[in-house]
Every structure is written in structure tokens, then in C-alpha cells.
Amino acid sequence: MLIENCQIGELDLGGARVRRLALRDCTVETLVLTGAKLRDVDLRGVEFRHITGIDHLRGATISSAQLEALSRHLAAQAGIIITG
């Protein structure tokens, strides 16, 4: 499934099993992933402001810019302290 050129306030995928989803040129205010099971989910085309359930990103593809933006949250989830 492809979702493109849209603005979404809250995309709640919490607890869902999501397969073969791609978002292109989308803005998502809040992405909820708590309890989600993702498989072949392409989030590279999404600009999101907040994400909950970051530990449920397994199965998603993100861009290097998104990874950089999420790095502190991912580190905190893993118990890693980033300084500097």
C-alpha cells in the first residue's frame, strides 16, 4: 500500500501488523508504534515530529537523516548516554 502527499495528525499503528506499506511526501505529527509488528514498511518519505514505541521500528526502512534525528531516542532506549 502506498500513501503519498498527505498530512496526518496521528498515525496510530500501535498493536497492528503492518506489511508492505510505503509513505512518500507525507508529514506525520505523531507516529505511534507501540506494540506494532512491521514488515517491509518504508518510512523514508515521512517527516514526523514525535514517535512513540520507537523500540518497535524493527521491519521499517528509514533514511540516514531520520536515523540522526532519532539517535538520542534510540540511545536512550538502549541505555546509552550521548555527550558532546
N, C-alpha and C. Protein backbone atom coordinates (compact mmCIF):
# COMPACT_ATOMS: atom_id res chain seq x y z
N MET A 1 0.84 -1.17 0.00
CA MET A 1 0.00 0.00 0.00
C MET A 1 0.89 1.24 0.00
N LEU A 2 0.54 2.21 -0.78
CA LEU A 2 1.28 3.45 -0.87
C LEU A 2 0.39 4.59 -0.41
N ILE A 3 0.91 5.39 0.51
CA ILE A 3 0.24 6.61 0.95
C ILE A 3 1.17 7.75 0.56
N GLU A 4 0.65 8.73 -0.17
CA GLU A 4 1.54 9.81 -0.59
C GLU A 4 0.85 11.17 -0.58
N ASN A 5 1.71 12.19 -0.44
CA ASN A 5 1.28 13.59 -0.48
C ASN A 5 0.15 13.90 0.50
N CYS A 6 0.37 13.59 1.76
CA CYS A 6 -0.67 13.88 2.74
C CYS A 6 -0.06 14.36 4.06
N GLN A 7 -0.93 14.96 4.86
CA GLN A 7 -0.56 15.38 6.20
C GLN A 7 -1.46 14.62 7.16
N ILE A 8 -0.83 13.98 8.15
CA ILE A 8 -1.56 13.15 9.10
C ILE A 8 -1.24 13.67 10.50
N GLY A 9 -2.26 13.93 11.29
CA GLY A 9 -2.04 14.38 12.66
C GLY A 9 -1.42 13.27 13.49
N GLU A 10 -2.11 12.13 13.58
CA GLU A 10 -1.61 10.98 14.32
C GLU A 10 -1.81 9.73 13.49
N LEU A 11 -0.73 9.03 13.23
CA LEU A 11 -0.79 7.74 12.55
C LEU A 11 -0.56 6.69 13.62
N ASP A 12 -1.63 6.06 14.05
CA ASP A 12 -1.57 5.09 15.15
C ASP A 12 -1.52 3.68 14.58
N LEU A 13 -0.33 3.11 14.58
CA LEU A 13 -0.13 1.72 14.15
C LEU A 13 0.06 0.81 15.35
N GLY A 14 -0.19 1.33 16.53
CA GLY A 14 0.00 0.58 17.77
C GLY A 14 -0.74 -0.74 17.76
N GLY A 15 -0.01 -1.82 18.00
CA GLY A 15 -0.60 -3.16 18.07
C GLY A 15 -0.92 -3.77 16.72
N ALA A 16 -0.69 -3.04 15.63
CA ALA A 16 -1.04 -3.53 14.30
C ALA A 16 0.08 -4.37 13.69
N ARG A 17 -0.29 -5.28 12.82
CA ARG A 17 0.66 -5.99 11.98
C ARG A 17 0.61 -5.31 10.62
N VAL A 18 1.71 -4.67 10.26
CA VAL A 18 1.74 -3.85 9.04
C VAL A 18 2.73 -4.47 8.07
N ARG A 19 2.26 -4.75 6.86
CA ARG A 19 3.11 -5.33 5.81
C ARG A 19 3.00 -4.48 4.55
N ARG A 20 4.14 -4.29 3.91
CA ARG A 20 4.21 -3.61 2.62
C ARG A 20 3.48 -2.27 2.59
N LEU A 21 3.95 -1.38 3.42
CA LEU A 21 3.42 -0.02 3.47
C LEU A 21 4.54 0.96 3.15
N ALA A 22 4.27 1.91 2.29
CA ALA A 22 5.23 2.96 1.97
C ALA A 22 4.53 4.30 2.08
N LEU A 23 5.22 5.25 2.68
CA LEU A 23 4.71 6.61 2.76
C LEU A 23 5.68 7.51 2.01
N ARG A 24 5.16 8.34 1.12
CA ARG A 24 6.00 9.25 0.33
C ARG A 24 5.46 10.66 0.43
N ASP A 25 6.36 11.59 0.66
CA ASP A 25 6.00 13.01 0.75
C ASP A 25 4.85 13.24 1.73
N CYS A 26 4.99 12.67 2.92
CA CYS A 26 3.97 12.79 3.96
C CYS A 26 4.56 13.46 5.20
N THR A 27 3.70 14.16 5.91
CA THR A 27 4.05 14.72 7.21
C THR A 27 3.15 14.05 8.23
N VAL A 28 3.76 13.51 9.27
CA VAL A 28 3.01 12.87 10.35
C VAL A 28 3.40 13.57 11.64
N GLU A 29 2.43 14.16 12.31
CA GLU A 29 2.72 14.85 13.57
C GLU A 29 3.19 13.85 14.63
N THR A 30 2.42 12.80 14.84
CA THR A 30 2.77 11.78 15.83
C THR A 30 2.62 10.40 15.20
N LEU A 31 3.70 9.61 15.27
CA LEU A 31 3.68 8.23 14.79
C LEU A 31 3.69 7.31 16.01
N VAL A 32 2.66 6.50 16.14
CA VAL A 32 2.53 5.58 17.28
C VAL A 32 2.83 4.17 16.80
N LEU A 33 3.86 3.56 17.40
CA LEU A 33 4.27 2.21 17.01
C LEU A 33 4.21 1.21 18.16
N THR A 34 3.77 1.61 19.30
CA THR A 34 3.76 0.74 20.48
C THR A 34 3.04 -0.57 20.17
N GLY A 35 3.77 -1.66 20.29
CA GLY A 35 3.20 -3.00 20.06
C GLY A 35 3.05 -3.37 18.60
N ALA A 36 3.51 -2.52 17.67
CA ALA A 36 3.36 -2.80 16.24
C ALA A 36 4.36 -3.85 15.78
N LYS A 37 3.97 -4.61 14.77
CA LYS A 37 4.84 -5.58 14.10
C LYS A 37 4.94 -5.12 12.65
N LEU A 38 6.11 -4.63 12.26
CA LEU A 38 6.30 -4.08 10.92
C LEU A 38 7.08 -5.04 10.05
N ARG A 39 6.71 -5.07 8.77
CA ARG A 39 7.43 -5.88 7.79
C ARG A 39 7.35 -5.15 6.46
N ASP A 40 8.48 -4.82 5.90
CA ASP A 40 8.56 -4.09 4.63
C ASP A 40 7.80 -2.77 4.69
N VAL A 41 8.09 -1.98 5.73
CA VAL A 41 7.46 -0.68 5.90
C VAL A 41 8.51 0.40 5.60
N ASP A 42 8.23 1.22 4.60
CA ASP A 42 9.16 2.24 4.15
C ASP A 42 8.72 3.61 4.68
N LEU A 43 9.47 4.13 5.64
CA LEU A 43 9.15 5.42 6.26
C LEU A 43 10.06 6.54 5.76
N ARG A 44 10.88 6.27 4.75
CA ARG A 44 11.84 7.28 4.28
C ARG A 44 11.17 8.55 3.77
N GLY A 45 9.95 8.46 3.30
CA GLY A 45 9.27 9.63 2.76
C GLY A 45 8.41 10.36 3.76
N VAL A 46 8.66 10.11 5.06
CA VAL A 46 7.85 10.71 6.11
C VAL A 46 8.67 11.70 6.93
N GLU A 47 8.09 12.84 7.17
CA GLU A 47 8.65 13.77 8.14
C GLU A 47 7.73 13.68 9.36
N PHE A 48 8.27 13.21 10.49
CA PHE A 48 7.44 13.12 11.68
C PHE A 48 8.03 13.94 12.81
N ARG A 49 7.15 14.43 13.65
CA ARG A 49 7.55 15.30 14.75
C ARG A 49 7.79 14.50 16.04
N HIS A 50 6.91 13.54 16.30
CA HIS A 50 7.01 12.73 17.52
C HIS A 50 6.81 11.27 17.13
N ILE A 51 7.46 10.40 17.90
CA ILE A 51 7.29 8.96 17.69
C ILE A 51 7.21 8.29 19.05
N THR A 52 6.23 7.43 19.21
CA THR A 52 6.14 6.63 20.42
C THR A 52 6.27 5.16 20.02
N GLY A 53 6.84 4.38 20.91
CA GLY A 53 7.07 2.98 20.60
C GLY A 53 8.25 2.80 19.67
N ILE A 54 9.26 3.63 19.86
CA ILE A 54 10.43 3.62 18.98
C ILE A 54 11.10 2.24 18.94
N ASP A 55 10.92 1.47 20.01
CA ASP A 55 11.52 0.14 20.05
C ASP A 55 10.79 -0.85 19.13
N HIS A 56 9.73 -0.40 18.46
CA HIS A 56 9.00 -1.26 17.53
C HIS A 56 9.25 -0.86 16.07
N LEU A 57 10.38 -0.23 15.80
CA LEU A 57 10.74 0.14 14.43
C LEU A 57 11.28 -1.04 13.62
N ARG A 58 11.53 -2.16 14.25
CA ARG A 58 12.04 -3.33 13.52
C ARG A 58 11.12 -3.63 12.35
N GLY A 59 11.73 -3.81 11.18
CA GLY A 59 10.96 -4.09 9.98
C GLY A 59 10.69 -2.85 9.14
N ALA A 60 11.15 -1.70 9.64
CA ALA A 60 10.96 -0.44 8.91
C ALA A 60 12.26 -0.01 8.25
N THR A 61 12.14 0.71 7.16
CA THR A 61 13.27 1.33 6.50
C THR A 61 13.16 2.83 6.72
N ILE A 62 14.26 3.43 7.22
CA ILE A 62 14.28 4.87 7.44
C ILE A 62 15.52 5.45 6.76
N SER A 63 15.51 6.76 6.58
CA SER A 63 16.65 7.42 5.93
C SER A 63 17.74 7.71 6.97
N SER A 64 18.93 8.04 6.49
CA SER A 64 20.02 8.38 7.40
C SER A 64 19.69 9.66 8.16
N ALA A 65 18.99 10.60 7.55
CA ALA A 65 18.59 11.83 8.24
C ALA A 65 17.60 11.51 9.37
N GLN A 66 16.68 10.58 9.13
CA GLN A 66 15.74 10.17 10.18
C GLN A 66 16.48 9.47 11.31
N LEU A 67 17.45 8.64 10.96
CA LEU A 67 18.23 7.96 11.98
C LEU A 67 18.97 8.96 12.86
N GLU A 68 19.53 9.98 12.24
CA GLU A 68 20.22 11.01 13.01
C GLU A 68 19.25 11.72 13.94
N ALA A 69 18.07 12.04 13.45
CA ALA A 69 17.08 12.72 14.27
C ALA A 69 16.60 11.84 15.44
N LEU A 70 16.57 10.55 15.22
CA LEU A 70 16.11 9.61 16.25
C LEU A 70 17.22 9.09 17.16
N SER A 71 18.46 9.44 16.86
CA SER A 71 19.60 8.83 17.54
C SER A 71 19.54 8.95 19.06
N ARG A 72 19.19 10.10 19.57
CA ARG A 72 19.13 10.27 21.03
C ARG A 72 18.03 9.40 21.64
N HIS A 73 16.90 9.28 20.95
CA HIS A 73 15.80 8.45 21.46
C HIS A 73 16.18 6.97 21.42
N LEU A 74 16.84 6.55 20.34
CA LEU A 74 17.29 5.16 20.23
C LEU A 74 18.35 4.85 21.28
N ALA A 75 19.26 5.79 21.50
CA ALA A 75 20.29 5.60 22.52
C ALA A 75 19.67 5.49 23.90
N ALA A 76 18.71 6.35 24.20
CA ALA A 76 18.05 6.31 25.50
C ALA A 76 17.34 4.98 25.69
N GLN A 77 16.71 4.47 24.64
CA GLN A 77 16.03 3.17 24.71
C GLN A 77 17.01 2.04 25.03
N ALA A 78 18.24 2.17 24.50
CA ALA A 78 19.27 1.16 24.72
C ALA A 78 20.10 1.41 25.99
N GLY A 79 19.80 2.50 26.68
CA GLY A 79 20.55 2.82 27.90
C GLY A 79 21.90 3.45 27.65
N ILE A 80 22.07 4.06 26.49
CA ILE A 80 23.34 4.69 26.12
C ILE A 80 23.23 6.19 26.36
N ILE A 81 24.28 6.77 26.94
CA ILE A 81 24.32 8.21 27.19
C ILE A 81 25.20 8.85 26.12
N ILE A 82 24.67 9.88 25.47
CA ILE A 82 25.42 10.61 24.45
C ILE A 82 25.79 11.96 25.01
N THR A 83 27.07 12.31 24.93
CA THR A 83 27.53 13.63 25.38
C THR A 83 28.25 14.32 24.23
N GLY A 84 28.34 15.63 24.36
CA GLY A 84 29.11 16.37 23.37
C GLY A 84 28.31 16.98 22.28
